[in-house]
Amino acid sequence: MPAQILAADPLSKIEKKTLRSCESIIKRGVQTSVEVGMALKQIQEQQLYREQHPTFEEYAQNRWELSRAHAYRLIESAKVIEDLSPDGDVPTNEAQARPLSKVKDPEARQELWDEAQERAGEKQVTAKIVEEVVKEYLSQNPEEEVETAATSGSASQRSATNNTQAGSDESTSQGTATVSTLEINTNQGGLASWVWRPFVRENLRVAYKPENLSAPRHSAPPKNSDDVDDRTVFVCPDVDMFAGGITEEQREAVFEMMAKSTRWTFLVVTKSYQKACGYKFPGNAWLGAHVSNTEELIQAERGFAGASAPVKFLYLSPLAEEITLAAGGCGWDWVVIRDSEDQPEWRWVWDVTSQAYELGYSVFWDDELRVRPMERPAT
């Protein structure tokens, strides 16, 4: 990598965060390679590869072992999705979208996709159906055919790439099946790679989403990854599942799904300290106390004393003041210090970190935590 590229145009903080999000999608494959194509497209267009690679083609090859042809094939499939109407169904994988990339006119692409759906009827649209529709159209409109890098490449290259992508179990086995899957997590500072939303907030109220309940069973961690966060799922980051508006049956359904999904570790965070401790947590569910100040810490230590969760942790977000961890307390296993809009003072962060180490607790600092010691020696 030429040194002048690094020095002349480094990535901004926002660009680095965007790159991390895109690479998370590529690394895991999400549900479909269409989303991988969209991530590659964003990296290419914004030149987010430039700090480590002189060209996008080199980035695709060295970082992901993607040939130039297949990388551009994925990008062209993503462009096809962008051309189609957002109000209707769109291709769910690269194989479906690939034939449409041979057609120049975006309006024609939409018409051909609509025709493929009609031919499929109640069944899923297959790549073969799309290919047939496109072939018939191009035989009558040869001037509309376009040859791109996305339409070339061997079947072995496509197979190799698909084998590197993790996705939902059902999507992998059924090709075009649409199922609920875990979301890529871009807002938890490296704490967990995935988000699961059996409950969401709608118009200031909590809504139960039974269609999302099976997401952990239909998702798989990325293959050959040793990263703990790749197997970690943050449950309902915007909803306290022990607060009001959620029934006992709904909570029990979520716990039952956790117990069945043994490949994952689930992080559940709450401010309903005593209520949460009335539940029996499965062995792969960790319970966090959302705390910002000393008063909440005292309540959490009292409430969590009898918690059955295998791991109990403090979730300091934001750390709004200096706090003191009680020796013995309720036996925390972990202290998580999160980023916030109002950054905590460095001395608060360092103080609670020091206390945690003295008490034998593990400590996690959010990736985006900007407070750092910036001292100079006395002269």
Protein backbone atom coordinates (compact mmCIF):
# COMPACT_ATOMS: atom_id res chain seq x y z
CA MET A 1 0.00 0.00 0.00
CA PRO A 2 1.64 3.30 -1.03
CA ALA A 3 2.37 5.44 2.02
CA GLN A 4 1.03 8.58 0.36
CA ILE A 5 -2.47 7.08 0.19
CA LEU A 6 -2.52 6.59 3.95
CA ALA A 7 -1.15 10.04 4.66
CA ALA A 8 -3.13 11.98 2.06
CA ASP A 9 -6.65 10.83 2.70
CA PRO A 10 -7.28 8.82 5.90
CA LEU A 11 -10.79 7.68 6.72
CA SER A 12 -12.83 9.95 8.93
CA LYS A 13 -14.45 8.57 12.10
CA ILE A 14 -17.81 8.35 10.32
CA GLU A 15 -16.20 6.58 7.35
CA LYS A 16 -14.50 4.09 9.67
CA LYS A 17 -17.80 3.33 11.36
CA THR A 18 -19.47 2.90 7.96
CA LEU A 19 -16.69 0.56 6.86
CA ARG A 20 -17.08 -1.52 10.03
CA SER A 21 -20.82 -1.82 9.43
CA CYS A 22 -20.36 -2.81 5.79
CA GLU A 23 -17.67 -5.36 6.62
CA SER A 24 -19.88 -6.86 9.33
CA ILE A 25 -22.49 -7.50 6.66
CA ILE A 26 -19.95 -9.01 4.27
CA LYS A 27 -18.31 -11.11 6.98
CA ARG A 28 -21.52 -12.74 8.05
CA GLY A 29 -23.32 -12.80 4.74
CA VAL A 30 -26.48 -11.63 6.58
CA GLN A 31 -29.53 -13.34 5.03
CA THR A 32 -28.62 -12.93 1.36
CA SER A 33 -25.74 -12.01 -0.90
CA VAL A 34 -27.84 -9.08 -2.16
CA GLU A 35 -27.05 -7.28 1.09
CA VAL A 36 -23.39 -8.18 0.67
CA GLY A 37 -23.51 -6.55 -2.75
CA MET A 38 -24.99 -3.39 -1.26
CA ALA A 39 -22.22 -3.27 1.33
CA LEU A 40 -19.55 -3.76 -1.35
CA LYS A 41 -21.18 -1.06 -3.45
CA GLN A 42 -20.97 1.42 -0.58
CA ILE A 43 -17.33 0.54 0.10
CA GLN A 44 -16.49 0.97 -3.59
CA GLU A 45 -18.37 4.24 -4.11
CA GLN A 46 -16.99 5.89 -0.97
CA GLN A 47 -13.51 4.37 -1.42
CA LEU A 48 -13.60 3.06 2.14
CA TYR A 49 -10.87 0.56 1.24
CA ARG A 50 -8.27 3.26 0.60
CA GLU A 51 -6.35 3.14 3.90
CA GLN A 52 -5.24 -0.45 3.38
CA HIS A 53 -5.66 -1.13 -0.34
CA PRO A 54 -4.86 0.96 -3.44
CA THR A 55 -7.82 -0.35 -5.46
CA PHE A 56 -11.23 -1.81 -4.80
CA GLU A 57 -10.33 -4.92 -6.80
CA GLU A 58 -7.33 -5.59 -4.54
CA TYR A 59 -9.46 -5.00 -1.46
CA ALA A 60 -12.07 -7.51 -2.64
CA GLN A 61 -9.42 -10.12 -3.42
CA ASN A 62 -7.18 -9.71 -0.39
CA ARG A 63 -9.82 -8.99 2.24
CA TRP A 64 -12.58 -11.35 1.10
CA GLU A 65 -10.99 -13.64 -1.54
CA LEU A 66 -13.52 -12.35 -4.06
CA SER A 67 -12.53 -12.30 -7.69
CA ARG A 68 -13.02 -9.02 -9.55
CA ALA A 69 -15.80 -10.59 -11.62
CA HIS A 70 -17.76 -11.87 -8.67
CA ALA A 71 -17.35 -8.70 -6.61
CA TYR A 72 -18.79 -6.64 -9.45
CA ARG A 73 -21.49 -9.23 -10.05
CA LEU A 74 -22.63 -8.74 -6.44
CA ILE A 75 -22.54 -4.96 -6.87
CA GLU A 76 -24.57 -5.11 -10.08
CA SER A 77 -27.17 -7.25 -8.31
CA ALA A 78 -27.39 -4.58 -5.61
CA LYS A 79 -27.95 -1.93 -8.29
CA VAL A 80 -30.77 -4.04 -9.70
CA ILE A 81 -32.47 -4.01 -6.29
CA GLU A 82 -32.19 -0.23 -6.14
CA ASP A 83 -33.91 0.07 -9.52
CA LEU A 84 -36.89 -2.01 -8.47
CA SER A 85 -39.91 -0.55 -6.73
CA PRO A 86 -39.47 -0.30 -2.94
CA ASP A 87 -43.21 -0.86 -2.54
CA GLY A 88 -43.18 -4.45 -3.77
CA ASP A 89 -41.22 -7.67 -3.37
CA VAL A 90 -37.64 -7.60 -4.58
CA PRO A 91 -35.10 -10.38 -5.24
CA THR A 92 -33.79 -11.88 -2.03
CA ASN A 93 -30.51 -13.25 -3.36
CA GLU A 94 -27.89 -12.54 -5.98
CA ALA A 95 -28.92 -15.47 -8.19
CA GLN A 96 -32.40 -13.97 -8.68
CA ALA A 97 -31.06 -10.49 -9.42
CA ARG A 98 -28.19 -11.50 -11.69
CA PRO A 99 -30.20 -12.06 -14.91
CA LEU A 100 -31.87 -8.65 -14.53
CA SER A 101 -28.45 -6.96 -14.54
CA LYS A 102 -28.19 -7.88 -18.24
CA VAL A 103 -30.98 -5.42 -19.06
CA LYS A 104 -30.16 -1.71 -19.47
CA ASP A 105 -33.54 -0.10 -18.89
CA PRO A 106 -34.57 0.11 -15.18
CA GLU A 107 -38.25 0.18 -16.13
CA ALA A 108 -37.79 -2.97 -18.18
CA ARG A 109 -36.10 -4.62 -15.21
CA GLN A 110 -39.15 -3.87 -13.07
CA GLU A 111 -41.52 -5.27 -15.70
CA LEU A 112 -39.44 -8.42 -16.07
CA TRP A 113 -39.31 -8.96 -12.31
CA ASP A 114 -43.09 -8.51 -12.13
CA GLU A 115 -43.48 -11.05 -14.93
CA ALA A 116 -41.23 -13.53 -13.08
CA GLN A 117 -43.39 -13.17 -9.98
CA GLU A 118 -46.55 -13.81 -11.97
CA ARG A 119 -45.07 -16.97 -13.49
CA ALA A 120 -43.99 -18.23 -10.07
CA GLY A 121 -47.51 -17.77 -8.75
CA GLU A 122 -47.77 -18.88 -5.12
CA LYS A 123 -44.27 -20.40 -5.23
CA GLN A 124 -40.97 -18.64 -4.65
CA VAL A 125 -39.37 -16.93 -7.66
CA THR A 126 -36.35 -18.94 -8.74
CA ALA A 127 -33.30 -17.76 -10.65
CA LYS A 128 -34.33 -20.06 -13.51
CA ILE A 129 -37.68 -18.29 -13.92
CA VAL A 130 -35.98 -14.88 -14.01
CA GLU A 131 -33.44 -16.14 -16.54
CA GLU A 132 -36.21 -17.41 -18.81
CA VAL A 133 -38.10 -14.10 -18.66
CA VAL A 134 -34.95 -12.07 -19.37
CA LYS A 135 -33.88 -14.38 -22.20
CA GLU A 136 -37.24 -14.00 -23.93
CA TYR A 137 -37.11 -10.22 -23.55
CA LEU A 138 -33.55 -9.89 -24.89
CA SER A 139 -34.34 -12.12 -27.88
CA GLN A 140 -36.92 -9.50 -28.91
CA ASN A 141 -34.91 -6.46 -27.74
CA PRO A 142 -31.23 -7.29 -28.37
CA GLU A 143 -30.27 -3.61 -28.11
CA GLU A 144 -31.23 -3.73 -24.42
CA GLU A 145 -28.60 -6.31 -23.49
CA VAL A 146 -25.59 -5.08 -21.54
CA GLU A 147 -22.49 -7.08 -20.72
CA THR A 148 -21.01 -6.22 -17.34
CA ALA A 149 -18.48 -7.71 -14.98
CA ALA A 150 -21.42 -8.90 -12.95
CA THR A 151 -22.60 -11.24 -15.70
CA SER A 152 -19.26 -13.04 -16.04
CA GLY A 153 -17.42 -15.40 -13.75
CA SER A 154 -17.46 -19.14 -13.21
CA ALA A 155 -19.89 -21.19 -11.22
CA SER A 156 -17.01 -22.34 -9.04
CA GLN A 157 -16.28 -18.72 -8.09
CA ARG A 158 -19.92 -18.16 -7.15
CA SER A 159 -19.95 -21.36 -5.12
CA ALA A 160 -16.74 -20.48 -3.29
CA THR A 161 -18.09 -17.08 -2.33
CA ASN A 162 -21.42 -18.46 -1.18
CA ASN A 163 -19.61 -20.96 1.03
CA THR A 164 -17.86 -18.13 2.89
CA GLN A 165 -21.10 -16.40 3.80
CA ALA A 166 -23.09 -17.24 6.91
CA GLY A 167 -26.82 -16.61 6.76
CA SER A 168 -30.12 -17.88 8.05
CA ASP A 169 -30.52 -21.65 8.20
CA GLU A 170 -33.71 -21.57 6.15
CA SER A 171 -32.36 -19.12 3.61
CA THR A 172 -29.34 -21.37 3.11
CA SER A 173 -31.34 -24.55 2.68
CA GLN A 174 -34.28 -23.20 0.70
CA GLY A 175 -32.56 -20.56 -1.41
CA THR A 176 -35.25 -17.92 -1.70
CA ALA A 177 -37.24 -18.61 1.47
CA THR A 178 -37.96 -15.49 3.50
CA VAL A 179 -37.62 -15.98 7.24
CA SER A 180 -37.04 -13.81 10.26
CA THR A 181 -33.34 -13.54 11.07
CA LEU A 182 -31.14 -11.65 13.49
CA GLU A 183 -30.09 -8.13 12.56
CA ILE A 184 -26.51 -6.97 12.15
CA ASN A 185 -25.74 -4.72 15.11
CA THR A 186 -24.13 -1.38 14.28
CA ASN A 187 -24.88 0.50 17.48
CA GLN A 188 -23.53 -1.50 20.40
CA GLY A 189 -19.83 -0.58 20.20
CA GLY A 190 -18.48 -4.09 19.67
CA LEU A 191 -20.48 -5.54 22.55
CA ALA A 192 -22.55 -7.87 20.36
CA SER A 193 -22.60 -8.48 16.62
CA TRP A 194 -26.32 -9.17 16.43
CA VAL A 195 -29.65 -7.73 17.55
CA TRP A 196 -32.87 -9.63 18.21
CA ARG A 197 -36.16 -7.71 18.48
CA PRO A 198 -39.04 -9.86 19.74
CA PHE A 199 -40.30 -6.59 21.26
CA VAL A 200 -40.15 -3.16 19.61
CA ARG A 201 -41.25 0.34 20.49
CA GLU A 202 -44.06 1.72 18.32
CA ASN A 203 -45.60 5.15 19.00
CA LEU A 204 -44.26 5.20 22.56
CA ARG A 205 -45.75 1.76 23.26
CA VAL A 206 -44.13 -1.67 23.37
CA ALA A 207 -45.30 -4.12 20.73
CA TYR A 208 -44.73 -7.87 20.65
CA LYS A 209 -43.46 -9.20 17.32
CA PRO A 210 -44.13 -12.94 17.22
CA GLU A 211 -42.87 -13.04 13.63
CA ASN A 212 -39.40 -12.18 15.00
CA LEU A 213 -39.46 -14.81 17.72
CA SER A 214 -37.76 -17.56 15.69
CA ALA A 215 -34.94 -15.33 14.39
CA PRO A 216 -32.19 -17.00 16.50
CA ARG A 217 -33.14 -20.43 15.14
CA HIS A 218 -32.99 -19.16 11.56
CA SER A 219 -29.60 -17.50 11.94
CA ALA A 220 -26.11 -18.91 12.30
CA PRO A 221 -22.82 -17.40 13.52
CA PRO A 222 -20.21 -16.86 10.80
CA LYS A 223 -18.21 -19.94 10.01
CA ASN A 224 -14.62 -20.27 11.24
CA SER A 225 -14.85 -17.23 13.51
CA ASP A 226 -13.29 -17.21 16.98
CA ASP A 227 -14.71 -13.79 17.91
CA VAL A 228 -16.97 -14.04 20.94
CA ASP A 229 -19.09 -11.11 19.77
CA ASP A 230 -19.91 -13.03 16.57
CA ARG A 231 -21.96 -15.39 18.75
CA THR A 232 -23.44 -12.70 20.97
CA VAL A 233 -26.94 -11.24 20.55
CA PHE A 234 -28.24 -8.05 22.18
CA VAL A 235 -31.92 -8.55 23.00
CA CYS A 236 -34.24 -5.57 22.45
CA PRO A 237 -31.75 -2.69 22.83
CA ASP A 238 -34.59 -0.14 22.69
CA VAL A 239 -37.04 -1.95 24.97
CA ASP A 240 -36.87 -3.11 28.59
CA MET A 241 -38.52 -6.51 28.30
CA PHE A 242 -39.31 -6.53 32.03
CA ALA A 243 -41.15 -3.21 31.96
CA GLY A 244 -44.89 -2.83 31.47
CA GLY A 245 -46.78 -3.67 28.31
CA ILE A 246 -45.35 -7.19 28.00
CA THR A 247 -47.23 -10.28 29.18
CA GLU A 248 -45.78 -13.20 31.12
CA GLU A 249 -46.55 -15.54 28.23
CA GLN A 250 -44.60 -13.33 25.82
CA ARG A 251 -41.56 -13.21 28.10
CA GLU A 252 -41.67 -16.95 28.62
CA ALA A 253 -41.80 -17.48 24.84
CA VAL A 254 -38.62 -15.40 24.50
CA PHE A 255 -36.84 -17.34 27.26
CA GLU A 256 -37.91 -20.62 25.68
CA MET A 257 -36.42 -19.54 22.35
CA MET A 258 -33.18 -18.55 24.09
CA ALA A 259 -32.93 -21.98 25.71
CA LYS A 260 -33.41 -23.67 22.33
CA SER A 261 -30.83 -21.47 20.58
CA THR A 262 -27.73 -22.80 22.28
CA ARG A 263 -25.30 -21.53 19.64
CA TRP A 264 -25.92 -17.95 20.82
CA THR A 265 -25.20 -15.95 23.97
CA PHE A 266 -27.98 -13.45 24.71
CA LEU A 267 -27.50 -10.13 26.51
CA VAL A 268 -30.60 -8.80 28.29
CA VAL A 269 -30.38 -5.35 29.90
CA THR A 270 -32.98 -3.92 32.28
CA LYS A 271 -33.75 -1.22 34.83
CA SER A 272 -36.51 -3.37 36.33
CA TYR A 273 -33.97 -4.96 38.65
CA GLN A 274 -36.22 -6.85 41.06
CA LYS A 275 -38.75 -7.98 38.47
CA ALA A 276 -36.07 -9.41 36.17
CA CYS A 277 -34.65 -11.47 39.00
CA GLY A 278 -37.97 -13.28 39.40
CA TYR A 279 -37.26 -15.21 36.20
CA LYS A 280 -35.11 -18.27 35.66
CA PHE A 281 -32.60 -17.51 32.92
CA PRO A 282 -31.28 -20.20 30.58
CA GLY A 283 -27.56 -20.91 30.69
CA ASN A 284 -26.85 -18.81 27.58
CA ALA A 285 -28.67 -15.66 28.73
CA TRP A 286 -26.71 -12.96 30.60
CA LEU A 287 -28.55 -10.35 32.65
CA GLY A 288 -27.36 -6.74 32.76
CA ALA A 289 -28.36 -3.93 35.12
CA HIS A 290 -28.70 -0.64 33.24
CA VAL A 291 -27.12 1.88 35.60
CA SER A 292 -26.08 5.53 35.27
CA ASN A 293 -25.54 6.75 38.82
CA THR A 294 -25.03 5.71 42.44
CA GLU A 295 -28.73 5.54 43.30
CA GLU A 296 -29.42 3.14 40.44
CA LEU A 297 -26.33 1.12 41.36
CA ILE A 298 -27.61 0.60 44.90
CA GLN A 299 -31.02 -0.49 43.60
CA ALA A 300 -29.38 -2.86 41.10
CA GLU A 301 -27.16 -4.45 43.75
CA ARG A 302 -30.20 -5.10 45.93
CA GLY A 303 -32.39 -6.32 43.11
CA PHE A 304 -29.81 -8.56 41.45
CA ALA A 305 -28.78 -10.30 44.67
CA GLY A 306 -31.00 -13.28 43.92
CA ALA A 307 -30.73 -13.31 40.12
CA SER A 308 -30.51 -16.76 38.54
CA ALA A 309 -28.66 -15.61 35.39
CA PRO A 310 -25.30 -17.38 34.83
CA VAL A 311 -23.63 -14.01 34.23
CA LYS A 312 -24.69 -10.75 35.88
CA PHE A 313 -23.22 -7.52 34.62
CA LEU A 314 -23.32 -3.76 35.09
CA TYR A 315 -24.27 -1.86 31.98
CA LEU A 316 -23.05 1.71 32.58
CA SER A 317 -24.69 3.81 29.88
CA PRO A 318 -24.16 6.66 30.33
CA LEU A 319 -21.78 6.80 33.28
CA ALA A 320 -23.14 10.06 34.66
CA GLU A 321 -21.06 10.36 37.83
CA GLU A 322 -18.33 8.76 39.88
CA ILE A 323 -19.59 5.52 41.42
CA THR A 324 -18.25 3.07 43.99
CA LEU A 325 -18.68 -0.67 43.55
CA ALA A 326 -19.53 -2.46 46.78
CA ALA A 327 -17.13 -5.23 47.75
CA GLY A 328 -19.12 -8.44 47.63
CA GLY A 329 -22.21 -6.60 46.35
CA CYS A 330 -24.33 -8.97 44.34
CA GLY A 331 -21.33 -10.60 42.69
CA TRP A 332 -21.02 -8.91 39.30
CA ASP A 333 -19.18 -10.89 36.65
CA TRP A 334 -18.72 -8.09 34.16
CA VAL A 335 -18.72 -4.29 33.91
CA VAL A 336 -19.63 -2.71 30.57
CA ILE A 337 -18.89 1.01 30.06
CA ARG A 338 -20.81 2.37 27.09
CA ASP A 339 -20.42 5.41 24.89
CA SER A 340 -23.00 8.19 25.12
CA GLU A 341 -23.61 11.65 23.66
CA ASP A 342 -22.28 13.20 26.87
CA GLN A 343 -18.96 11.46 27.29
CA PRO A 344 -18.14 10.47 30.89
CA GLU A 345 -15.14 12.05 32.51
CA TRP A 346 -11.96 10.04 32.16
CA ARG A 347 -11.42 9.78 35.92
CA TRP A 348 -14.87 8.20 36.33
CA VAL A 349 -14.09 5.60 33.68
CA TRP A 350 -10.67 4.80 35.08
CA ASP A 351 -11.93 4.70 38.67
CA VAL A 352 -14.70 2.19 38.03
CA THR A 353 -12.34 0.15 35.82
CA SER A 354 -9.77 0.00 38.63
CA GLN A 355 -12.42 -1.00 41.15
CA ALA A 356 -13.71 -3.73 38.86
CA TYR A 357 -10.23 -5.22 38.42
CA GLU A 358 -9.62 -5.15 42.18
CA LEU A 359 -12.88 -7.01 42.75
CA GLY A 360 -12.14 -9.56 40.02
CA TYR A 361 -14.72 -8.38 37.48
CA SER A 362 -14.09 -8.41 33.74
CA VAL A 363 -14.35 -4.99 32.02
CA PHE A 364 -15.58 -4.02 28.55
CA TRP A 365 -15.03 -0.58 27.05
CA ASP A 366 -17.32 0.49 24.22
CA ASP A 367 -15.53 0.87 20.86
CA GLU A 368 -16.77 4.44 20.59
CA LEU A 369 -15.77 5.50 24.09
CA ARG A 370 -13.78 8.63 23.34
CA VAL A 371 -12.47 9.42 26.81
CA ARG A 372 -8.81 8.48 27.08
CA PRO A 373 -5.90 9.60 29.27
CA MET A 374 -4.02 12.43 27.55
CA GLU A 375 -1.31 13.25 30.06
CA ARG A 376 2.16 14.70 29.54
CA PRO A 377 5.17 14.15 31.75
CA ALA A 378 6.13 16.96 34.10
CA THR A 379 9.18 18.92 32.96
